[in-house]
Amino acid sequence: MTFKEFYISGKNDKSNCVIRSLCKILNKEYDDVYNDLLKIAKKLNCASFNDVPVFEKYMEDNNIIKINYDDEIKVKDLKIDDGSYIIFCYDKKDFYHMISIINNVIYDKNNDCMDLYVITDL
């Protein structure tokens, strides 16, 4: 797998890994994904568009399938076929992150994600 820097921001020049990953995979604009996530958060009575039920509902609505992994696999050790993937990962503490992988290229703002542990492949 290789790494390619990818950064996208909204009107307030802020970026978020959930929105950035969804934009890359779905080829959508930042503000469109952000607004859709806000609507879902409101509908589900969630505090934030970053809440897991919110982005999982958004992904379900966009036909993104969830695959669970062994909790000892790091991003750099993933063996995946060509295609489009969103990887939800963490540092086994309190840092959670989401990245997109397209045809074995990791798209993120930096390559620190390589040593994170995979929670699920979406």
PDB file of N, CA and C in Angstrom:
ATOM      1  N   MET A   1       0.835  -1.170   0.000  1.00  0.00           N
ATOM      2  CA  MET A   1       0.000   0.000   0.000  1.00  0.00           C
ATOM      3  C   MET A   1       0.888   1.245   0.000  1.00  0.00           C
ATOM      4  N   THR A   2       0.420   2.270  -0.675  1.00  0.00           N
ATOM      5  CA  THR A   2       1.151   3.530  -0.692  1.00  0.00           C
ATOM      6  C   THR A   2       0.306   4.622  -0.044  1.00  0.00           C
ATOM      7  N   PHE A   3       0.935   5.755   0.227  1.00  0.00           N
ATOM      8  CA  PHE A   3       0.276   6.881   0.884  1.00  0.00           C
ATOM      9  C   PHE A   3       0.279   8.084  -0.049  1.00  0.00           C
ATOM     10  N   LYS A   4      -0.855   8.788  -0.082  1.00  0.00           N
ATOM     11  CA  LYS A   4      -0.942  10.043  -0.828  1.00  0.00           C
ATOM     12  C   LYS A   4      -1.657  11.058   0.050  1.00  0.00           C
ATOM     13  N   GLU A   5      -1.033  12.220   0.222  1.00  0.00           N
ATOM     14  CA  GLU A   5      -1.631  13.255   1.054  1.00  0.00           C
ATOM     15  C   GLU A   5      -2.930  13.747   0.430  1.00  0.00           C
ATOM     16  N   PHE A   6      -3.969  13.827   1.267  1.00  0.00           N
ATOM     17  CA  PHE A   6      -5.271  14.319   0.820  1.00  0.00           C
ATOM     18  C   PHE A   6      -5.871  15.150   1.930  1.00  0.00           C
ATOM     19  N   TYR A   7      -6.188  16.387   1.599  1.00  0.00           N
ATOM     20  CA  TYR A   7      -6.789  17.299   2.567  1.00  0.00           C
ATOM     21  C   TYR A   7      -7.912  18.043   1.877  1.00  0.00           C
ATOM     22  N   ILE A   8      -9.045  18.137   2.539  1.00  0.00           N
ATOM     23  CA  ILE A   8     -10.187  18.879   2.021  1.00  0.00           C
ATOM     24  C   ILE A   8     -10.829  19.587   3.202  1.00  0.00           C
ATOM     25  N   SER A   9     -11.327  20.778   2.981  1.00  0.00           N
ATOM     26  CA  SER A   9     -11.936  21.523   4.084  1.00  0.00           C
ATOM     27  C   SER A   9     -13.247  22.156   3.629  1.00  0.00           C
ATOM     28  N   GLY A  10     -14.018  22.559   4.625  1.00  0.00           N
ATOM     29  CA  GLY A  10     -15.295  23.215   4.377  1.00  0.00           C
ATOM     30  C   GLY A  10     -15.132  24.722   4.332  1.00  0.00           C
ATOM     31  N   LYS A  11     -16.256  25.426   4.378  1.00  0.00           N
ATOM     32  CA  LYS A  11     -16.266  26.888   4.287  1.00  0.00           C
ATOM     33  C   LYS A  11     -15.471  27.552   5.393  1.00  0.00           C
ATOM     34  N   ASN A  12     -15.420  26.917   6.561  1.00  0.00           N
ATOM     35  CA  ASN A  12     -14.686  27.493   7.700  1.00  0.00           C
ATOM     36  C   ASN A  12     -13.232  27.061   7.720  1.00  0.00           C
ATOM     37  N   ASP A  13     -12.763  26.483   6.609  1.00  0.00           N
ATOM     38  CA  ASP A  13     -11.391  26.006   6.465  1.00  0.00           C
ATOM     39  C   ASP A  13     -11.011  24.977   7.525  1.00  0.00           C
ATOM     40  N   LYS A  14     -12.005  24.182   7.931  1.00  0.00           N
ATOM     41  CA  LYS A  14     -11.744  23.092   8.866  1.00  0.00           C
ATOM     42  C   LYS A  14     -11.883  21.771   8.123  1.00  0.00           C
ATOM     43  N   SER A  15     -11.143  20.796   8.584  1.00  0.00           N
ATOM     44  CA  SER A  15     -11.233  19.465   8.013  1.00  0.00           C
ATOM     45  C   SER A  15     -11.537  18.474   9.123  1.00  0.00           C
ATOM     46  N   ASN A  16     -12.159  17.388   8.753  1.00  0.00           N
ATOM     47  CA  ASN A  16     -12.529  16.352   9.695  1.00  0.00           C
ATOM     48  C   ASN A  16     -12.332  15.022   9.003  1.00  0.00           C
ATOM     49  N   CYS A  17     -11.732  14.059   9.686  1.00  0.00           N
ATOM     50  CA  CYS A  17     -11.392  12.785   9.037  1.00  0.00           C
ATOM     51  C   CYS A  17     -12.612  12.028   8.533  1.00  0.00           C
ATOM     52  N   VAL A  18     -13.740  12.097   9.253  1.00  0.00           N
ATOM     53  CA  VAL A  18     -14.950  11.403   8.813  1.00  0.00           C
ATOM     54  C   VAL A  18     -15.433  12.001   7.494  1.00  0.00           C
ATOM     55  N   ILE A  19     -15.568  13.305   7.463  1.00  0.00           N
ATOM     56  CA  ILE A  19     -16.057  13.970   6.253  1.00  0.00           C
ATOM     57  C   ILE A  19     -15.052  13.814   5.118  1.00  0.00           C
ATOM     58  N   ARG A  20     -13.785  13.992   5.414  1.00  0.00           N
ATOM     59  CA  ARG A  20     -12.733  13.876   4.386  1.00  0.00           C
ATOM     60  C   ARG A  20     -12.757  12.488   3.742  1.00  0.00           C
ATOM     61  N   SER A  21     -12.863  11.439   4.547  1.00  0.00           N
ATOM     62  CA  SER A  21     -12.884  10.067   4.026  1.00  0.00           C
ATOM     63  C   SER A  21     -14.119   9.822   3.166  1.00  0.00           C
ATOM     64  N   LEU A  22     -15.269  10.272   3.644  1.00  0.00           N
ATOM     65  CA  LEU A  22     -16.501  10.091   2.880  1.00  0.00           C
ATOM     66  C   LEU A  22     -16.468  10.871   1.570  1.00  0.00           C
ATOM     67  N   CYS A  23     -15.927  12.078   1.603  1.00  0.00           N
ATOM     68  CA  CYS A  23     -15.810  12.881   0.373  1.00  0.00           C
ATOM     69  C   CYS A  23     -14.955  12.161  -0.662  1.00  0.00           C
ATOM     70  N   LYS A  24     -13.842  11.621  -0.224  1.00  0.00           N
ATOM     71  CA  LYS A  24     -12.926  10.952  -1.150  1.00  0.00           C
ATOM     72  C   LYS A  24     -13.563   9.709  -1.764  1.00  0.00           C
ATOM     73  N   ILE A  25     -14.162   8.875  -0.936  1.00  0.00           N
ATOM     74  CA  ILE A  25     -14.765   7.629  -1.416  1.00  0.00           C
ATOM     75  C   ILE A  25     -15.965   7.898  -2.321  1.00  0.00           C
ATOM     76  N   LEU A  26     -16.806   8.857  -1.934  1.00  0.00           N
ATOM     77  CA  LEU A  26     -18.053   9.110  -2.659  1.00  0.00           C
ATOM     78  C   LEU A  26     -17.945  10.217  -3.702  1.00  0.00           C
ATOM     79  N   ASN A  27     -16.771  10.858  -3.776  1.00  0.00           N
ATOM     80  CA  ASN A  27     -16.553  11.960  -4.712  1.00  0.00           C
ATOM     81  C   ASN A  27     -17.608  13.065  -4.532  1.00  0.00           C
ATOM     82  N   LYS A  28     -17.765  13.473  -3.267  1.00  0.00           N
ATOM     83  CA  LYS A  28     -18.726  14.524  -2.926  1.00  0.00           C
ATOM     84  C   LYS A  28     -17.991  15.710  -2.318  1.00  0.00           C
ATOM     85  N   GLU A  29     -18.658  16.837  -2.297  1.00  0.00           N
ATOM     86  CA  GLU A  29     -18.106  18.056  -1.720  1.00  0.00           C
ATOM     87  C   GLU A  29     -18.204  18.019  -0.190  1.00  0.00           C
ATOM     88  N   TYR A  30     -17.254  18.655   0.461  1.00  0.00           N
ATOM     89  CA  TYR A  30     -17.170  18.677   1.922  1.00  0.00           C
ATOM     90  C   TYR A  30     -18.481  19.167   2.553  1.00  0.00           C
ATOM     91  N   ASP A  31     -18.960  20.321   2.126  1.00  0.00           N
ATOM     92  CA  ASP A  31     -20.150  20.904   2.741  1.00  0.00           C
ATOM     93  C   ASP A  31     -21.389  20.037   2.530  1.00  0.00           C
ATOM     94  N   ASP A  32     -21.476  19.332   1.420  1.00  0.00           N
ATOM     95  CA  ASP A  32     -22.618  18.442   1.171  1.00  0.00           C
ATOM     96  C   ASP A  32     -22.630  17.289   2.176  1.00  0.00           C
ATOM     97  N   VAL A  33     -21.478  16.654   2.370  1.00  0.00           N
ATOM     98  CA  VAL A  33     -21.387  15.544   3.330  1.00  0.00           C
ATOM     99  C   VAL A  33     -21.633  16.061   4.746  1.00  0.00           C
ATOM    100  N   TYR A  34     -21.033  17.178   5.079  1.00  0.00           N
ATOM    101  CA  TYR A  34     -21.205  17.777   6.406  1.00  0.00           C
ATOM    102  C   TYR A  34     -22.684  18.033   6.697  1.00  0.00           C
ATOM    103  N   ASN A  35     -23.382  18.672   5.768  1.00  0.00           N
ATOM    104  CA  ASN A  35     -24.803  18.988   5.968  1.00  0.00           C
ATOM    105  C   ASN A  35     -25.654  17.732   6.075  1.00  0.00           C
ATOM    106  N   ASP A  36     -25.350  16.722   5.276  1.00  0.00           N
ATOM    107  CA  ASP A  36     -26.088  15.458   5.351  1.00  0.00           C
ATOM    108  C   ASP A  36     -25.877  14.786   6.708  1.00  0.00           C
ATOM    109  N   LEU A  37     -24.648  14.804   7.206  1.00  0.00           N
ATOM    110  CA  LEU A  37     -24.353  14.222   8.521  1.00  0.00           C
ATOM    111  C   LEU A  37     -25.069  14.977   9.636  1.00  0.00           C
ATOM    112  N   LEU A  38     -25.131  16.299   9.526  1.00  0.00           N
ATOM    113  CA  LEU A  38     -25.850  17.097  10.531  1.00  0.00           C
ATOM    114  C   LEU A  38     -27.329  16.727  10.572  1.00  0.00           C
ATOM    115  N   LYS A  39     -27.933  16.526   9.408  1.00  0.00           N
ATOM    116  CA  LYS A  39     -29.352  16.142   9.341  1.00  0.00           C
ATOM    117  C   LYS A  39     -29.579  14.794  10.020  1.00  0.00           C
ATOM    118  N   ILE A  40     -28.693  13.857   9.763  1.00  0.00           N
ATOM    119  CA  ILE A  40     -28.819  12.536  10.382  1.00  0.00           C
ATOM    120  C   ILE A  40     -28.631  12.636  11.894  1.00  0.00           C
ATOM    121  N   ALA A  41     -27.661  13.428  12.328  1.00  0.00           N
ATOM    122  CA  ALA A  41     -27.412  13.599  13.766  1.00  0.00           C
ATOM    123  C   ALA A  41     -28.661  14.149  14.455  1.00  0.00           C
ATOM    124  N   LYS A  42     -29.282  15.121  13.827  1.00  0.00           N
ATOM    125  CA  LYS A  42     -30.496  15.706  14.398  1.00  0.00           C
ATOM    126  C   LYS A  42     -31.613  14.663  14.458  1.00  0.00           C
ATOM    127  N   LYS A  43     -31.781  13.925  13.376  1.00  0.00           N
ATOM    128  CA  LYS A  43     -32.834  12.905  13.301  1.00  0.00           C
ATOM    129  C   LYS A  43     -32.626  11.810  14.349  1.00  0.00           C
ATOM    130  N   LEU A  44     -31.374  11.428  14.594  1.00  0.00           N
ATOM    131  CA  LEU A  44     -31.056  10.374  15.565  1.00  0.00           C
ATOM    132  C   LEU A  44     -30.860  10.907  16.985  1.00  0.00           C
ATOM    133  N   ASN A  45     -31.017  12.224  17.169  1.00  0.00           N
ATOM    134  CA  ASN A  45     -30.796  12.872  18.467  1.00  0.00           C
ATOM    135  C   ASN A  45     -29.386  12.632  18.999  1.00  0.00           C
ATOM    136  N   CYS A  46     -28.403  12.712  18.114  1.00  0.00           N
ATOM    137  CA  CYS A  46     -27.000  12.566  18.500  1.00  0.00           C
ATOM    138  C   CYS A  46     -26.384  13.942  18.725  1.00  0.00           C
ATOM    139  N   ALA A  47     -25.381  13.986  19.561  1.00  0.00           N
ATOM    140  CA  ALA A  47     -24.730  15.249  19.902  1.00  0.00           C
ATOM    141  C   ALA A  47     -23.891  15.802  18.763  1.00  0.00           C
ATOM    142  N   SER A  48     -23.370  14.915  17.898  1.00  0.00           N
ATOM    143  CA  SER A  48     -22.430  15.358  16.873  1.00  0.00           C
ATOM    144  C   SER A  48     -22.563  14.517  15.608  1.00  0.00           C
ATOM    145  N   PHE A  49     -22.163  15.111  14.489  1.00  0.00           N
ATOM    146  CA  PHE A  49     -22.113  14.355  13.236  1.00  0.00           C
ATOM    147  C   PHE A  49     -21.008  13.308  13.277  1.00  0.00           C
ATOM    148  N   ASN A  50     -20.117  13.412  14.243  1.00  0.00           N
ATOM    149  CA  ASN A  50     -19.008  12.471  14.413  1.00  0.00           C
ATOM    150  C   ASN A  50     -19.394  11.237  15.216  1.00  0.00           C
ATOM    151  N   ASP A  51     -20.597  11.207  15.764  1.00  0.00           N
ATOM    152  CA  ASP A  51     -21.035  10.044  16.534  1.00  0.00           C
ATOM    153  C   ASP A  51     -21.139   8.834  15.604  1.00  0.00           C
ATOM    154  N   VAL A  52     -20.714   7.686  16.096  1.00  0.00           N
ATOM    155  CA  VAL A  52     -20.682   6.468  15.282  1.00  0.00           C
ATOM    156  C   VAL A  52     -22.035   6.154  14.636  1.00  0.00           C
ATOM    157  N   PRO A  53     -23.162   6.229  15.358  1.00  0.00           N
ATOM    158  CA  PRO A  53     -24.443   5.914  14.703  1.00  0.00           C
ATOM    159  C   PRO A  53     -24.744   6.838  13.517  1.00  0.00           C
ATOM    160  N   VAL A  54     -24.259   8.066  13.582  1.00  0.00           N
ATOM    161  CA  VAL A  54     -24.515   9.034  12.512  1.00  0.00           C
ATOM    162  C   VAL A  54     -23.757   8.649  11.248  1.00  0.00           C
ATOM    163  N   PHE A  55     -22.435   8.475  11.348  1.00  0.00           N
ATOM    164  CA  PHE A  55     -21.714   8.158  10.114  1.00  0.00           C
ATOM    165  C   PHE A  55     -21.990   6.740   9.628  1.00  0.00           C
ATOM    166  N   GLU A  56     -22.346   5.828  10.546  1.00  0.00           N
ATOM    167  CA  GLU A  56     -22.734   4.494  10.089  1.00  0.00           C
ATOM    168  C   GLU A  56     -24.042   4.545   9.298  1.00  0.00           C
ATOM    169  N   LYS A  57     -24.995   5.357   9.740  1.00  0.00           N
ATOM    170  CA  LYS A  57     -26.264   5.519   9.004  1.00  0.00           C
ATOM    171  C   LYS A  57     -25.998   6.155   7.641  1.00  0.00           C
ATOM    172  N   TYR A  58     -25.126   7.156   7.605  1.00  0.00           N
ATOM    173  CA  TYR A  58     -24.782   7.812   6.334  1.00  0.00           C
ATOM    174  C   TYR A  58     -24.153   6.795   5.372  1.00  0.00           C
ATOM    175  N   MET A  59     -23.255   5.983   5.881  1.00  0.00           N
ATOM    176  CA  MET A  59     -22.601   4.992   5.030  1.00  0.00           C
ATOM    177  C   MET A  59     -23.593   3.931   4.561  1.00  0.00           C
ATOM    178  N   GLU A  60     -24.474   3.513   5.450  1.00  0.00           N
ATOM    179  CA  GLU A  60     -25.507   2.551   5.067  1.00  0.00           C
ATOM    180  C   GLU A  60     -26.371   3.134   3.942  1.00  0.00           C
ATOM    181  N   ASP A  61     -26.743   4.403   4.075  1.00  0.00           N
ATOM    182  CA  ASP A  61     -27.560   5.078   3.057  1.00  0.00           C
ATOM    183  C   ASP A  61     -26.833   5.187   1.722  1.00  0.00           C
ATOM    184  N   ASN A  62     -25.498   5.116   1.758  1.00  0.00           N
ATOM    185  CA  ASN A  62     -24.686   5.224   0.538  1.00  0.00           C
ATOM    186  C   ASN A  62     -24.078   3.883   0.129  1.00  0.00           C
ATOM    187  N   ASN A  63     -24.664   2.805   0.628  1.00  0.00           N
ATOM    188  CA  ASN A  63     -24.276   1.437   0.249  1.00  0.00           C
ATOM    189  C   ASN A  63     -22.815   1.096   0.550  1.00  0.00           C
ATOM    190  N   ILE A  64     -22.301   1.611   1.656  1.00  0.00           N
ATOM    191  CA  ILE A  64     -20.955   1.257   2.100  1.00  0.00           C
ATOM    192  C   ILE A  64     -21.110   0.135   3.117  1.00  0.00           C
ATOM    193  N   ILE A  65     -20.501  -0.998   2.841  1.00  0.00           N
ATOM    194  CA  ILE A  65     -20.659  -2.210   3.643  1.00  0.00           C
ATOM    195  C   ILE A  65     -19.584  -2.275   4.726  1.00  0.00           C
ATOM    196  N   LYS A  66     -19.957  -2.752   5.900  1.00  0.00           N
ATOM    197  CA  LYS A  66     -19.051  -2.832   7.048  1.00  0.00           C
ATOM    198  C   LYS A  66     -18.478  -4.246   7.183  1.00  0.00           C
ATOM    199  N   ILE A  67     -17.157  -4.332   7.353  1.00  0.00           N
ATOM    200  CA  ILE A  67     -16.464  -5.598   7.586  1.00  0.00           C
ATOM    201  C   ILE A  67     -15.642  -5.433   8.862  1.00  0.00           C
ATOM    202  N   ASN A  68     -15.789  -6.344   9.817  1.00  0.00           N
ATOM    203  CA  ASN A  68     -15.022  -6.279  11.066  1.00  0.00           C
ATOM    204  C   ASN A  68     -13.704  -7.022  10.928  1.00  0.00           C
ATOM    205  N   TYR A  69     -12.678  -6.548  11.645  1.00  0.00           N
ATOM    206  CA  TYR A  69     -11.341  -7.134  11.620  1.00  0.00           C
ATOM    207  C   TYR A  69     -10.898  -7.529  13.009  1.00  0.00           C
ATOM    208  N   ASP A  70      -9.899  -8.384  13.066  1.00  0.00           N
ATOM    209  CA  ASP A  70      -9.199  -8.710  14.295  1.00  0.00           C
ATOM    210  C   ASP A  70      -8.595  -7.410  14.833  1.00  0.00           C
ATOM    211  N   ASP A  71      -8.659  -7.182  16.125  1.00  0.00           N
ATOM    212  CA  ASP A  71      -8.195  -5.903  16.685  1.00  0.00           C
ATOM    213  C   ASP A  71      -6.679  -5.758  16.772  1.00  0.00           C
ATOM    214  N   GLU A  72      -5.932  -6.691  16.231  1.00  0.00           N
ATOM    215  CA  GLU A  72      -4.468  -6.587  16.249  1.00  0.00           C
ATOM    216  C   GLU A  72      -3.882  -6.213  14.882  1.00  0.00           C
ATOM    217  N   ILE A  73      -4.713  -5.940  13.915  1.00  0.00           N
ATOM    218  CA  ILE A  73      -4.228  -5.583  12.578  1.00  0.00           C
ATOM    219  C   ILE A  73      -4.041  -4.070  12.489  1.00  0.00           C
ATOM    220  N   LYS A  74      -2.857  -3.662  12.066  1.00  0.00           N
ATOM    221  CA  LYS A  74      -2.580  -2.246  11.850  1.00  0.00           C
ATOM    222  C   LYS A  74      -2.892  -1.890  10.400  1.00  0.00           C
ATOM    223  N   VAL A  75      -3.127  -0.622  10.167  1.00  0.00           N
ATOM    224  CA  VAL A  75      -3.432  -0.140   8.816  1.00  0.00           C
ATOM    225  C   VAL A  75      -2.351  -0.582   7.835  1.00  0.00           C
ATOM    226  N   LYS A  76      -1.097  -0.455   8.216  1.00  0.00           N
ATOM    227  CA  LYS A  76       0.007  -0.800   7.309  1.00  0.00           C
ATOM    228  C   LYS A  76       0.050  -2.288   6.965  1.00  0.00           C
ATOM    229  N   ASP A  77      -0.624  -3.136   7.749  1.00  0.00           N
ATOM    230  CA  ASP A  77      -0.617  -4.575   7.525  1.00  0.00           C
ATOM    231  C   ASP A  77      -1.858  -5.091   6.787  1.00  0.00           C
ATOM    232  N   LEU A  78      -2.767  -4.192   6.446  1.00  0.00           N
ATOM    233  CA  LEU A  78      -3.987  -4.611   5.743  1.00  0.00           C
ATOM    234  C   LEU A  78      -3.652  -5.219   4.389  1.00  0.00           C
ATOM    235  N   LYS A  79      -4.328  -6.288   4.071  1.00  0.00           N
ATOM    236  CA  LYS A  79      -4.221  -6.923   2.754  1.00  0.00           C
ATOM    237  C   LYS A  79      -5.612  -6.845   2.136  1.00  0.00           C
ATOM    238  N   ILE A  80      -5.801  -5.876   1.273  1.00  0.00           N
ATOM    239  CA  ILE A  80      -7.116  -5.681   0.662  1.00  0.00           C
ATOM    240  C   ILE A  80      -6.993  -5.665  -0.853  1.00  0.00           C
ATOM    241  N   ASP A  81      -8.082  -6.023  -1.493  1.00  0.00           N
ATOM    242  CA  ASP A  81      -8.132  -6.002  -2.953  1.00  0.00           C
ATOM    243  C   ASP A  81      -8.277  -4.569  -3.436  1.00  0.00           C
ATOM    244  N   ASP A  82      -8.028  -4.368  -4.743  1.00  0.00           N
ATOM    245  CA  ASP A  82      -8.314  -3.066  -5.327  1.00  0.00           C
ATOM    246  C   ASP A  82      -9.786  -2.748  -5.096  1.00  0.00           C
ATOM    247  N   GLY A  83     -10.082  -1.487  -4.962  1.00  0.00           N
ATOM    248  CA  GLY A  83     -11.441  -1.037  -4.689  1.00  0.00           C
ATOM    249  C   GLY A  83     -11.384   0.155  -3.760  1.00  0.00           C
ATOM    250  N   SER A  84     -12.536   0.562  -3.275  1.00  0.00           N
ATOM    251  CA  SER A  84     -12.648   1.718  -2.394  1.00  0.00           C
ATOM    252  C   SER A  84     -13.059   1.280  -0.998  1.00  0.00           C
ATOM    253  N   TYR A  85     -12.326   1.758   0.000  1.00  0.00           N
ATOM    254  CA  TYR A  85     -12.552   1.374   1.387  1.00  0.00           C
ATOM    255  C   TYR A  85     -12.456   2.590   2.297  1.00  0.00           C
ATOM    256  N   ILE A  86     -13.226   2.552   3.374  1.00  0.00           N
ATOM    257  CA  ILE A  86     -13.061   3.504   4.467  1.00  0.00           C
ATOM    258  C   ILE A  86     -12.629   2.664   5.658  1.00  0.00           C
ATOM    259  N   ILE A  87     -11.564   3.070   6.315  1.00  0.00           N
ATOM    260  CA  ILE A  87     -11.031   2.330   7.448  1.00  0.00           C
ATOM    261  C   ILE A  87     -11.220   3.164   8.713  1.00  0.00           C
ATOM    262  N   PHE A  88     -11.900   2.584   9.683  1.00  0.00           N
ATOM    263  CA  PHE A  88     -12.075   3.199  10.989  1.00  0.00           C
ATOM    264  C   PHE A  88     -11.020   2.565  11.887  1.00  0.00           C
ATOM    265  N   CYS A  89     -10.162   3.367  12.500  1.00  0.00           N
ATOM    266  CA  CYS A  89      -9.025   2.847  13.249  1.00  0.00           C
ATOM    267  C   CYS A  89      -8.779   3.680  14.508  1.00  0.00           C
ATOM    268  N   TYR A  90      -7.867   3.165  15.357  1.00  0.00           N
ATOM    269  CA  TYR A  90      -7.571   3.877  16.599  1.00  0.00           C
ATOM    270  C   TYR A  90      -6.210   3.464  17.149  1.00  0.00           C
ATOM    271  N   ASP A  91      -5.789   4.151  18.199  1.00  0.00           N
ATOM    272  CA  ASP A  91      -4.469   3.895  18.790  1.00  0.00           C
ATOM    273  C   ASP A  91      -4.540   2.986  20.023  1.00  0.00           C
ATOM    274  N   LYS A  92      -5.684   2.354  20.244  1.00  0.00           N
ATOM    275  CA  LYS A  92      -5.964   1.505  21.417  1.00  0.00           C
ATOM    276  C   LYS A  92      -6.029   2.320  22.702  1.00  0.00           C
ATOM    277  N   LYS A  93      -6.205   3.611  22.565  1.00  0.00           N
ATOM    278  CA  LYS A  93      -6.390   4.491  23.723  1.00  0.00           C
ATOM    279  C   LYS A  93      -7.638   5.321  23.458  1.00  0.00           C
ATOM    280  N   ASP A  94      -7.456   6.615  23.235  1.00  0.00           N
ATOM    281  CA  ASP A  94      -8.620   7.475  23.037  1.00  0.00           C
ATOM    282  C   ASP A  94      -8.605   8.241  21.709  1.00  0.00           C
ATOM    283  N   PHE A  95      -7.720   7.885  20.804  1.00  0.00           N
ATOM    284  CA  PHE A  95      -7.656   8.554  19.499  1.00  0.00           C
ATOM    285  C   PHE A  95      -8.281   7.655  18.440  1.00  0.00           C
ATOM    286  N   TYR A  96      -9.348   8.137  17.825  1.00  0.00           N
ATOM    287  CA  TYR A  96     -10.031   7.421  16.749  1.00  0.00           C
ATOM    288  C   TYR A  96      -9.867   8.206  15.464  1.00  0.00           C
ATOM    289  N   HIS A  97      -9.786   7.488  14.352  1.00  0.00           N
ATOM    290  CA  HIS A  97      -9.503   8.137  13.081  1.00  0.00           C
ATOM    291  C   HIS A  97     -10.172   7.364  11.946  1.00  0.00           C
ATOM    292  N   MET A  98     -10.443   8.062  10.859  1.00  0.00           N
ATOM    293  CA  MET A  98     -11.012   7.430   9.683  1.00  0.00           C
ATOM    294  C   MET A  98     -10.192   7.843   8.464  1.00  0.00           C
ATOM    295  N   ILE A  99      -9.888   6.864   7.612  1.00  0.00           N
ATOM    296  CA  ILE A  99      -9.124   7.124   6.394  1.00  0.00           C
ATOM    297  C   ILE A  99      -9.809   6.459   5.211  1.00  0.00           C
ATOM    298  N   SER A 100      -9.468   6.906   4.035  1.00  0.00           N
ATOM    299  CA  SER A 100      -9.972   6.259   2.820  1.00  0.00           C
ATOM    300  C   SER A 100      -8.802   5.593   2.095  1.00  0.00           C
ATOM    301  N   ILE A 101      -9.105   4.443   1.488  1.00  0.00           N
ATOM    302  CA  ILE A 101      -8.130   3.719   0.682  1.00  0.00           C
ATOM    303  C   ILE A 101      -8.795   3.402  -0.654  1.00  0.00           C
ATOM    304  N   ILE A 102      -8.154   3.803  -1.719  1.00  0.00           N
ATOM    305  CA  ILE A 102      -8.671   3.523  -3.061  1.00  0.00           C
ATOM    306  C   ILE A 102      -7.565   2.860  -3.859  1.00  0.00           C
ATOM    307  N   ASN A 103      -7.842   1.652  -4.339  1.00  0.00           N
ATOM    308  CA  ASN A 103      -6.872   0.871  -5.123  1.00  0.00           C
ATOM    309  C   ASN A 103      -5.505   0.810  -4.444  1.00  0.00           C
ATOM    310  N   ASN A 104      -5.525   0.493  -3.145  1.00  0.00           N
ATOM    311  CA  ASN A 104      -4.325   0.334  -2.320  1.00  0.00           C
ATOM    312  C   ASN A 104      -3.512   1.614  -2.123  1.00  0.00           C
ATOM    313  N   VAL A 105      -4.158   2.759  -2.299  1.00  0.00           N
ATOM    314  CA  VAL A 105      -3.536   4.049  -1.977  1.00  0.00           C
ATOM    315  C   VAL A 105      -4.302   4.637  -0.802  1.00  0.00           C
ATOM    316  N   ILE A 106      -3.588   4.931   0.282  1.00  0.00           N
ATOM    317  CA  ILE A 106      -4.184   5.547   1.465  1.00  0.00           C
ATOM    318  C   ILE A 106      -4.221   7.053   1.250  1.00  0.00           C
ATOM    319  N   TYR A 107      -5.410   7.630   1.416  1.00  0.00           N
ATOM    320  CA  TYR A 107      -5.586   9.076   1.292  1.00  0.00           C
ATOM    321  C   TYR A 107      -5.889   9.645   2.672  1.00  0.00           C
ATOM    322  N   ASP A 108      -4.976  10.477   3.174  1.00  0.00           N
ATOM    323  CA  ASP A 108      -5.149  11.103   4.482  1.00  0.00           C
ATOM    324  C   ASP A 108      -4.272  12.346   4.526  1.00  0.00           C
ATOM    325  N   LYS A 109      -4.421  13.139   5.581  1.00  0.00           N
ATOM    326  CA  LYS A 109      -3.632  14.370   5.647  1.00  0.00           C
ATOM    327  C   LYS A 109      -2.182  14.119   6.035  1.00  0.00           C
ATOM    328  N   ASN A 110      -1.885  12.987   6.695  1.00  0.00           N
ATOM    329  CA  ASN A 110      -0.499  12.602   6.958  1.00  0.00           C
ATOM    330  C   ASN A 110      -0.442  11.090   7.126  1.00  0.00           C
ATOM    331  N   ASN A 111       0.756  10.541   7.152  1.00  0.00           N
ATOM    332  CA  ASN A 111       0.878   9.079   7.177  1.00  0.00           C
ATOM    333  C   ASN A 111       0.974   8.487   8.584  1.00  0.00           C
ATOM    334  N   ASP A 112       0.647   9.246   9.607  1.00  0.00           N
ATOM    335  CA  ASP A 112       0.631   8.735  10.979  1.00  0.00           C
ATOM    336  C   ASP A 112      -0.366   7.591  11.149  1.00  0.00           C
ATOM    337  N   CYS A 113      -1.323   7.521  10.263  1.00  0.00           N
ATOM    338  CA  CYS A 113      -2.372   6.502  10.362  1.00  0.00           C
ATOM    339  C   CYS A 113      -1.841   5.086  10.160  1.00  0.00           C
ATOM    340  N   MET A 114      -0.689   4.929   9.578  1.00  0.00           N
ATOM    341  CA  MET A 114      -0.159   3.604   9.254  1.00  0.00           C
ATOM    342  C   MET A 114      -0.009   2.698  10.486  1.00  0.00           C
ATOM    343  N   ASP A 115       0.263   3.286  11.648  1.00  0.00           N
ATOM    344  CA  ASP A 115       0.466   2.494  12.856  1.00  0.00           C
ATOM    345  C   ASP A 115      -0.778   2.397  13.740  1.00  0.00           C
ATOM    346  N   LEU A 116      -1.906   2.856  13.246  1.00  0.00           N
ATOM    347  CA  LEU A 116      -3.150   2.716  14.001  1.00  0.00           C
ATOM    348  C   LEU A 116      -3.739   1.327  13.782  1.00  0.00           C
ATOM    349  N   TYR A 117      -4.515   0.876  14.751  1.00  0.00           N
ATOM    350  CA  TYR A 117      -5.158  -0.439  14.679  1.00  0.00           C
ATOM    351  C   TYR A 117      -6.525  -0.324  14.012  1.00  0.00           C
ATOM    352  N   VAL A 118      -6.821  -1.265  13.161  1.00  0.00           N
ATOM    353  CA  VAL A 118      -8.084  -1.262  12.419  1.00  0.00           C
ATOM    354  C   VAL A 118      -9.217  -1.742  13.333  1.00  0.00           C
ATOM    355  N   ILE A 119     -10.284  -0.972  13.363  1.00  0.00           N
ATOM    356  CA  ILE A 119     -11.495  -1.389  14.075  1.00  0.00           C
ATOM    357  C   ILE A 119     -12.418  -2.068  13.073  1.00  0.00           C
ATOM    358  N   THR A 120     -12.643  -1.397  11.981  1.00  0.00           N
ATOM    359  CA  THR A 120     -13.521  -1.952  10.959  1.00  0.00           C
ATOM    360  C   THR A 120     -13.196  -1.349   9.607  1.00  0.00           C
ATOM    361  N   ASP A 121     -13.521  -2.092   8.598  1.00  0.00           N
ATOM    362  CA  ASP A 121     -13.352  -1.698   7.206  1.00  0.00           C
ATOM    363  C   ASP A 121     -14.751  -1.421   6.702  1.00  0.00           C
ATOM    364  N   LEU A 122     -14.978  -0.221   6.262  1.00  0.00           N
ATOM    365  CA  LEU A 122     -16.317   0.168   5.826  1.00  0.00           C
ATOM    366  C   LEU A 122     -16.381   0.366   4.335  1.00  0.00           C
TER     367      LEU A 122
END
